[in-house]
Amino acid sequence: MNLKLIIGLLSFSLVGCFVAINENSYRTLDARSLEHFVDFDLTTVGQTSVDNQTDLRIYEISTPEFKKSFEKAEYTWIHLWQAFCPNDYCQNIAVYEDYLEELSENHDINFLMVSNTYDLKHIANAAKNAKFNLPIYVLKDAYYGHKVRPAKLKALEEFGIDISDKNAIVFDDLLFRNGDLIHYGYKLSGHDVDSVLNAR
């Protein structure tokens, strides 16, 4: 086979993989899968016993709707989740229920698990394996766009984070008090959050 043709096919494949990884999966969903993604419902914020195993609903959320959710508790913890990420940190989402239960003993706090993608297979598997009973949200495609990185950066910027910081893209935990961003970071545990809240 012609060397140029081989190189061309290889380059096309690599670009295709990159595009697929960088996409939020919205445009690949079939009609049946799309039924799991529904409009944001403010009444879900603060719920701790939803049925993700037999009736998985993933609520599309945008910045204006995040702001509405802040009114439901003094503190709000948002975790921007990569459902497609294979390691334990990404997939062991059950720990967040434990964190929330412990934090709720001393703080008026809500927790929002927000997927960066519409990757239904991985979201469903993670929720099922963890027996996760908190509502699951997704960054709304129609608001943030199809691309994972630009969508996350747009969300972070609208939350008040300086995205010119080269490390901004890794921030996946954000804490708010009455709608004001008070802390953000990477891989925050319940203990980390408790320490921040107690210091205020």
C-alpha atoms as a PDB file:
ATOM      1  CA  MET A   1       0.000   0.000   0.000  1.00  0.00           C
ATOM      2  CA  ASN A   2       1.172   3.524  -0.758  1.00  0.00           C
ATOM      3  CA  LEU A   3       3.014   5.032   2.237  1.00  0.00           C
ATOM      4  CA  LYS A   4       1.228   8.380   1.826  1.00  0.00           C
ATOM      5  CA  LEU A   5      -2.120   6.592   1.847  1.00  0.00           C
ATOM      6  CA  ILE A   6      -1.213   4.701   5.036  1.00  0.00           C
ATOM      7  CA  ILE A   7      -0.106   7.911   6.743  1.00  0.00           C
ATOM      8  CA  GLY A   8      -3.244   9.648   5.574  1.00  0.00           C
ATOM      9  CA  LEU A   9      -5.518   6.892   6.896  1.00  0.00           C
ATOM     10  CA  LEU A  10      -3.653   6.810  10.196  1.00  0.00           C
ATOM     11  CA  SER A  11      -3.922  10.581  10.578  1.00  0.00           C
ATOM     12  CA  PHE A  12      -7.638  10.446   9.783  1.00  0.00           C
ATOM     13  CA  SER A  13      -8.155   7.731  12.402  1.00  0.00           C
ATOM     14  CA  LEU A  14      -6.280   9.704  15.053  1.00  0.00           C
ATOM     15  CA  VAL A  15      -8.221  12.860  14.270  1.00  0.00           C
ATOM     16  CA  GLY A  16     -11.443  10.871  14.412  1.00  0.00           C
ATOM     17  CA  CYS A  17     -10.543   9.502  17.849  1.00  0.00           C
ATOM     18  CA  PHE A  18      -9.626  12.965  19.081  1.00  0.00           C
ATOM     19  CA  VAL A  19     -12.896  14.418  17.834  1.00  0.00           C
ATOM     20  CA  ALA A  20     -14.862  11.588  19.433  1.00  0.00           C
ATOM     21  CA  ILE A  21     -13.096  12.053  22.763  1.00  0.00           C
ATOM     22  CA  ASN A  22     -13.538  15.822  22.648  1.00  0.00           C
ATOM     23  CA  GLU A  23     -17.269  15.566  21.881  1.00  0.00           C
ATOM     24  CA  ASN A  24     -19.824  15.453  24.687  1.00  0.00           C
ATOM     25  CA  SER A  25     -21.680  12.528  22.988  1.00  0.00           C
ATOM     26  CA  TYR A  26     -24.913  14.508  22.550  1.00  0.00           C
ATOM     27  CA  ARG A  27     -24.876  14.252  18.767  1.00  0.00           C
ATOM     28  CA  THR A  28     -24.442  10.462  18.836  1.00  0.00           C
ATOM     29  CA  LEU A  29     -27.504   9.722  20.991  1.00  0.00           C
ATOM     30  CA  ASP A  30     -30.421   7.898  19.420  1.00  0.00           C
ATOM     31  CA  ALA A  31     -34.036   8.806  20.179  1.00  0.00           C
ATOM     32  CA  ARG A  32     -34.376   6.176  22.896  1.00  0.00           C
ATOM     33  CA  SER A  33     -31.229   7.323  24.696  1.00  0.00           C
ATOM     34  CA  LEU A  34     -32.305  10.963  24.487  1.00  0.00           C
ATOM     35  CA  GLU A  35     -35.391  10.108  26.540  1.00  0.00           C
ATOM     36  CA  HIS A  36     -33.156   9.801  29.600  1.00  0.00           C
ATOM     37  CA  PHE A  37     -32.086  13.450  29.287  1.00  0.00           C
ATOM     38  CA  VAL A  38     -34.761  15.809  30.527  1.00  0.00           C
ATOM     39  CA  ASP A  39     -35.223  19.484  31.310  1.00  0.00           C
ATOM     40  CA  PHE A  40     -33.858  20.819  34.572  1.00  0.00           C
ATOM     41  CA  ASP A  41     -36.246  20.412  37.491  1.00  0.00           C
ATOM     42  CA  LEU A  42     -35.520  22.626  40.504  1.00  0.00           C
ATOM     43  CA  THR A  43     -37.406  20.249  42.803  1.00  0.00           C
ATOM     44  CA  THR A  44     -34.698  17.616  42.283  1.00  0.00           C
ATOM     45  CA  VAL A  45     -32.070  19.775  43.989  1.00  0.00           C
ATOM     46  CA  GLY A  46     -31.655  18.482  47.504  1.00  0.00           C
ATOM     47  CA  GLN A  47     -33.291  15.117  46.893  1.00  0.00           C
ATOM     48  CA  THR A  48     -31.373  12.145  48.302  1.00  0.00           C
ATOM     49  CA  SER A  49     -33.430   9.142  47.229  1.00  0.00           C
ATOM     50  CA  VAL A  50     -34.022   9.140  43.475  1.00  0.00           C
ATOM     51  CA  ASP A  51     -34.268   5.865  41.554  1.00  0.00           C
ATOM     52  CA  ASN A  52     -31.354   5.896  39.130  1.00  0.00           C
ATOM     53  CA  GLN A  53     -31.426   2.126  38.705  1.00  0.00           C
ATOM     54  CA  THR A  54     -34.856   1.655  37.116  1.00  0.00           C
ATOM     55  CA  ASP A  55     -35.773   5.208  36.093  1.00  0.00           C
ATOM     56  CA  LEU A  56     -32.580   7.050  35.182  1.00  0.00           C
ATOM     57  CA  ARG A  57     -33.209  10.698  34.414  1.00  0.00           C
ATOM     58  CA  ILE A  58     -30.371  13.079  33.737  1.00  0.00           C
ATOM     59  CA  TYR A  59     -31.269  16.734  34.082  1.00  0.00           C
ATOM     60  CA  GLU A  60     -29.797  19.251  31.648  1.00  0.00           C
ATOM     61  CA  ILE A  61     -28.498  22.265  33.538  1.00  0.00           C
ATOM     62  CA  SER A  62     -27.030  25.639  32.568  1.00  0.00           C
ATOM     63  CA  THR A  63     -25.619  28.596  34.460  1.00  0.00           C
ATOM     64  CA  PRO A  64     -28.990  30.353  35.022  1.00  0.00           C
ATOM     65  CA  GLU A  65     -30.385  27.114  36.449  1.00  0.00           C
ATOM     66  CA  PHE A  66     -27.361  26.588  38.660  1.00  0.00           C
ATOM     67  CA  LYS A  67     -28.059  30.030  40.105  1.00  0.00           C
ATOM     68  CA  LYS A  68     -31.636  29.027  40.902  1.00  0.00           C
ATOM     69  CA  SER A  69     -30.351  25.930  42.692  1.00  0.00           C
ATOM     70  CA  PHE A  70     -28.174  28.079  44.959  1.00  0.00           C
ATOM     71  CA  GLU A  71     -31.325  29.470  46.575  1.00  0.00           C
ATOM     72  CA  LYS A  72     -32.247  26.088  48.060  1.00  0.00           C
ATOM     73  CA  ALA A  73     -29.454  25.884  50.650  1.00  0.00           C
ATOM     74  CA  GLU A  74     -26.815  28.081  52.237  1.00  0.00           C
ATOM     75  CA  TYR A  75     -24.060  26.003  50.645  1.00  0.00           C
ATOM     76  CA  THR A  76     -23.910  24.207  47.304  1.00  0.00           C
ATOM     77  CA  TRP A  77     -21.189  21.784  46.270  1.00  0.00           C
ATOM     78  CA  ILE A  78     -20.949  21.143  42.524  1.00  0.00           C
ATOM     79  CA  HIS A  79     -18.877  18.237  41.259  1.00  0.00           C
ATOM     80  CA  LEU A  80     -18.110  18.299  37.514  1.00  0.00           C
ATOM     81  CA  TRP A  81     -17.882  14.605  36.700  1.00  0.00           C
ATOM     82  CA  GLN A  82     -16.235  12.801  33.795  1.00  0.00           C
ATOM     83  CA  ALA A  83     -18.399   9.690  33.541  1.00  0.00           C
ATOM     84  CA  PHE A  84     -16.177   8.228  30.821  1.00  0.00           C
ATOM     85  CA  CYS A  85     -13.094   8.382  33.054  1.00  0.00           C
ATOM     86  CA  PRO A  86     -12.077   4.790  33.937  1.00  0.00           C
ATOM     87  CA  ASN A  87     -10.295   5.247  37.246  1.00  0.00           C
ATOM     88  CA  ASP A  88     -11.806   4.723  40.697  1.00  0.00           C
ATOM     89  CA  TYR A  89     -11.880   8.425  41.499  1.00  0.00           C
ATOM     90  CA  CYS A  90     -14.281   9.091  38.638  1.00  0.00           C
ATOM     91  CA  GLN A  91     -16.396   5.977  38.994  1.00  0.00           C
ATOM     92  CA  ASN A  92     -16.724   5.533  42.761  1.00  0.00           C
ATOM     93  CA  ILE A  93     -19.481   8.110  42.962  1.00  0.00           C
ATOM     94  CA  ALA A  94     -21.102   6.468  45.998  1.00  0.00           C
ATOM     95  CA  VAL A  95     -18.610   8.287  48.235  1.00  0.00           C
ATOM     96  CA  TYR A  96     -20.387  11.560  47.510  1.00  0.00           C
ATOM     97  CA  GLU A  97     -23.545  10.292  49.170  1.00  0.00           C
ATOM     98  CA  ASP A  98     -21.490   9.512  52.274  1.00  0.00           C
ATOM     99  CA  TYR A  99     -19.842  12.930  52.124  1.00  0.00           C
ATOM    100  CA  LEU A 100     -23.196  14.678  51.816  1.00  0.00           C
ATOM    101  CA  GLU A 101     -24.730  12.729  54.677  1.00  0.00           C
ATOM    102  CA  GLU A 102     -21.857  13.650  56.979  1.00  0.00           C
ATOM    103  CA  LEU A 103     -21.749  17.303  55.890  1.00  0.00           C
ATOM    104  CA  SER A 104     -25.514  17.683  56.286  1.00  0.00           C
ATOM    105  CA  GLU A 105     -25.218  16.968  60.001  1.00  0.00           C
ATOM    106  CA  ASN A 106     -23.655  20.399  60.559  1.00  0.00           C
ATOM    107  CA  HIS A 107     -24.277  22.392  57.388  1.00  0.00           C
ATOM    108  CA  ASP A 108     -27.198  23.430  55.192  1.00  0.00           C
ATOM    109  CA  ILE A 109     -25.734  22.039  51.973  1.00  0.00           C
ATOM    110  CA  ASN A 110     -26.815  20.566  48.665  1.00  0.00           C
ATOM    111  CA  PHE A 111     -24.679  18.522  46.301  1.00  0.00           C
ATOM    112  CA  LEU A 112     -24.939  18.463  42.503  1.00  0.00           C
ATOM    113  CA  MET A 113     -23.320  15.664  40.512  1.00  0.00           C
ATOM    114  CA  VAL A 114     -22.883  17.179  37.043  1.00  0.00           C
ATOM    115  CA  SER A 115     -21.635  15.121  34.109  1.00  0.00           C
ATOM    116  CA  ASN A 116     -19.452  16.855  31.521  1.00  0.00           C
ATOM    117  CA  THR A 117     -20.876  14.581  28.828  1.00  0.00           C
ATOM    118  CA  TYR A 118     -24.036  12.871  27.603  1.00  0.00           C
ATOM    119  CA  ASP A 119     -22.274   9.506  27.750  1.00  0.00           C
ATOM    120  CA  LEU A 120     -25.355   7.534  28.794  1.00  0.00           C
ATOM    121  CA  LYS A 121     -23.651   4.147  28.937  1.00  0.00           C
ATOM    122  CA  HIS A 122     -20.979   5.255  31.393  1.00  0.00           C
ATOM    123  CA  ILE A 123     -23.346   7.403  33.447  1.00  0.00           C
ATOM    124  CA  ALA A 124     -25.824   4.536  33.767  1.00  0.00           C
ATOM    125  CA  ASN A 125     -23.129   1.981  34.617  1.00  0.00           C
ATOM    126  CA  ALA A 126     -21.533   4.186  37.258  1.00  0.00           C
ATOM    127  CA  ALA A 127     -24.914   4.967  38.859  1.00  0.00           C
ATOM    128  CA  LYS A 128     -25.902   1.302  38.848  1.00  0.00           C
ATOM    129  CA  ASN A 129     -22.606  -0.016  40.203  1.00  0.00           C
ATOM    130  CA  ALA A 130     -22.542   2.583  42.970  1.00  0.00           C
ATOM    131  CA  LYS A 131     -26.288   2.310  43.694  1.00  0.00           C
ATOM    132  CA  PHE A 132     -26.171   6.098  43.455  1.00  0.00           C
ATOM    133  CA  ASN A 133     -29.371   7.721  44.733  1.00  0.00           C
ATOM    134  CA  LEU A 134     -28.692  11.417  44.190  1.00  0.00           C
ATOM    135  CA  PRO A 135     -29.957  13.282  41.106  1.00  0.00           C
ATOM    136  CA  ILE A 136     -27.564  13.436  38.152  1.00  0.00           C
ATOM    137  CA  TYR A 137     -27.227  16.521  35.971  1.00  0.00           C
ATOM    138  CA  VAL A 138     -25.398  17.241  32.714  1.00  0.00           C
ATOM    139  CA  LEU A 139     -23.943  20.463  31.301  1.00  0.00           C
ATOM    140  CA  LYS A 140     -26.643  21.477  28.823  1.00  0.00           C
ATOM    141  CA  ASP A 141     -25.490  21.019  25.240  1.00  0.00           C
ATOM    142  CA  ALA A 142     -27.763  23.747  23.877  1.00  0.00           C
ATOM    143  CA  TYR A 143     -26.159  26.243  26.287  1.00  0.00           C
ATOM    144  CA  TYR A 144     -22.519  25.167  26.553  1.00  0.00           C
ATOM    145  CA  GLY A 145     -21.970  23.481  23.174  1.00  0.00           C
ATOM    146  CA  HIS A 146     -20.784  20.067  21.925  1.00  0.00           C
ATOM    147  CA  LYS A 147     -17.131  20.221  22.951  1.00  0.00           C
ATOM    148  CA  VAL A 148     -16.171  18.934  26.399  1.00  0.00           C
ATOM    149  CA  ARG A 149     -13.238  21.247  27.174  1.00  0.00           C
ATOM    150  CA  PRO A 150     -14.787  24.542  25.924  1.00  0.00           C
ATOM    151  CA  ALA A 151     -18.062  23.665  27.663  1.00  0.00           C
ATOM    152  CA  LYS A 152     -16.367  23.091  31.000  1.00  0.00           C
ATOM    153  CA  LEU A 153     -14.284  26.238  30.665  1.00  0.00           C
ATOM    154  CA  LYS A 154     -17.394  28.261  29.850  1.00  0.00           C
ATOM    155  CA  ALA A 155     -19.094  26.926  32.960  1.00  0.00           C
ATOM    156  CA  LEU A 156     -16.049  27.646  35.129  1.00  0.00           C
ATOM    157  CA  GLU A 157     -15.744  31.187  33.746  1.00  0.00           C
ATOM    158  CA  GLU A 158     -19.410  31.915  34.392  1.00  0.00           C
ATOM    159  CA  PHE A 159     -18.930  30.669  37.954  1.00  0.00           C
ATOM    160  CA  GLY A 160     -16.186  33.298  38.368  1.00  0.00           C
ATOM    161  CA  ILE A 161     -13.032  31.267  37.849  1.00  0.00           C
ATOM    162  CA  ASP A 162     -10.142  32.804  35.902  1.00  0.00           C
ATOM    163  CA  ILE A 163      -9.816  30.408  32.975  1.00  0.00           C
ATOM    164  CA  SER A 164      -6.588  32.048  31.808  1.00  0.00           C
ATOM    165  CA  ASP A 165      -5.048  29.957  34.604  1.00  0.00           C
ATOM    166  CA  LYS A 166      -3.638  26.933  32.761  1.00  0.00           C
ATOM    167  CA  ASN A 167      -4.756  24.705  35.632  1.00  0.00           C
ATOM    168  CA  ALA A 168      -8.388  25.842  35.483  1.00  0.00           C
ATOM    169  CA  ILE A 169      -9.515  22.914  33.332  1.00  0.00           C
ATOM    170  CA  VAL A 170      -8.759  20.397  36.107  1.00  0.00           C
ATOM    171  CA  PHE A 171     -10.945  22.095  38.700  1.00  0.00           C
ATOM    172  CA  ASP A 172     -13.922  19.831  39.232  1.00  0.00           C
ATOM    173  CA  ASP A 173     -15.227  20.777  42.677  1.00  0.00           C
ATOM    174  CA  LEU A 174     -16.827  24.144  43.371  1.00  0.00           C
ATOM    175  CA  LEU A 175     -18.293  25.421  46.628  1.00  0.00           C
ATOM    176  CA  PHE A 176     -20.807  28.229  46.845  1.00  0.00           C
ATOM    177  CA  ARG A 177     -22.323  30.098  49.746  1.00  0.00           C
ATOM    178  CA  ASN A 178     -25.598  31.819  48.935  1.00  0.00           C
ATOM    179  CA  GLY A 179     -24.598  31.854  45.291  1.00  0.00           C
ATOM    180  CA  ASP A 180     -21.074  33.202  45.784  1.00  0.00           C
ATOM    181  CA  LEU A 181     -18.105  31.029  44.870  1.00  0.00           C
ATOM    182  CA  ILE A 182     -16.045  30.510  48.022  1.00  0.00           C
ATOM    183  CA  HIS A 183     -13.692  27.665  47.080  1.00  0.00           C
ATOM    184  CA  TYR A 184     -12.755  25.411  44.190  1.00  0.00           C
ATOM    185  CA  GLY A 185     -10.284  22.637  43.585  1.00  0.00           C
ATOM    186  CA  TYR A 186      -9.578  19.135  42.382  1.00  0.00           C
ATOM    187  CA  LYS A 187     -10.562  15.873  44.066  1.00  0.00           C
ATOM    188  CA  LEU A 188     -12.094  17.482  47.143  1.00  0.00           C
ATOM    189  CA  SER A 189     -13.203  15.038  49.823  1.00  0.00           C
ATOM    190  CA  GLY A 190     -15.956  15.513  52.360  1.00  0.00           C
ATOM    191  CA  HIS A 191     -13.279  16.360  54.931  1.00  0.00           C
ATOM    192  CA  ASP A 192     -11.840  19.040  52.626  1.00  0.00           C
ATOM    193  CA  VAL A 193     -15.260  20.617  52.168  1.00  0.00           C
ATOM    194  CA  ASP A 194     -16.034  20.441  55.889  1.00  0.00           C
ATOM    195  CA  SER A 195     -12.755  22.228  56.656  1.00  0.00           C
ATOM    196  CA  VAL A 196     -13.584  25.023  54.202  1.00  0.00           C
ATOM    197  CA  LEU A 197     -17.080  25.496  55.613  1.00  0.00           C
ATOM    198  CA  ASN A 198     -15.917  25.446  59.218  1.00  0.00           C
ATOM    199  CA  ALA A 199     -13.281  28.085  58.475  1.00  0.00           C
ATOM    200  CA  ARG A 200     -15.903  30.600  57.352  1.00  0.00           C
END
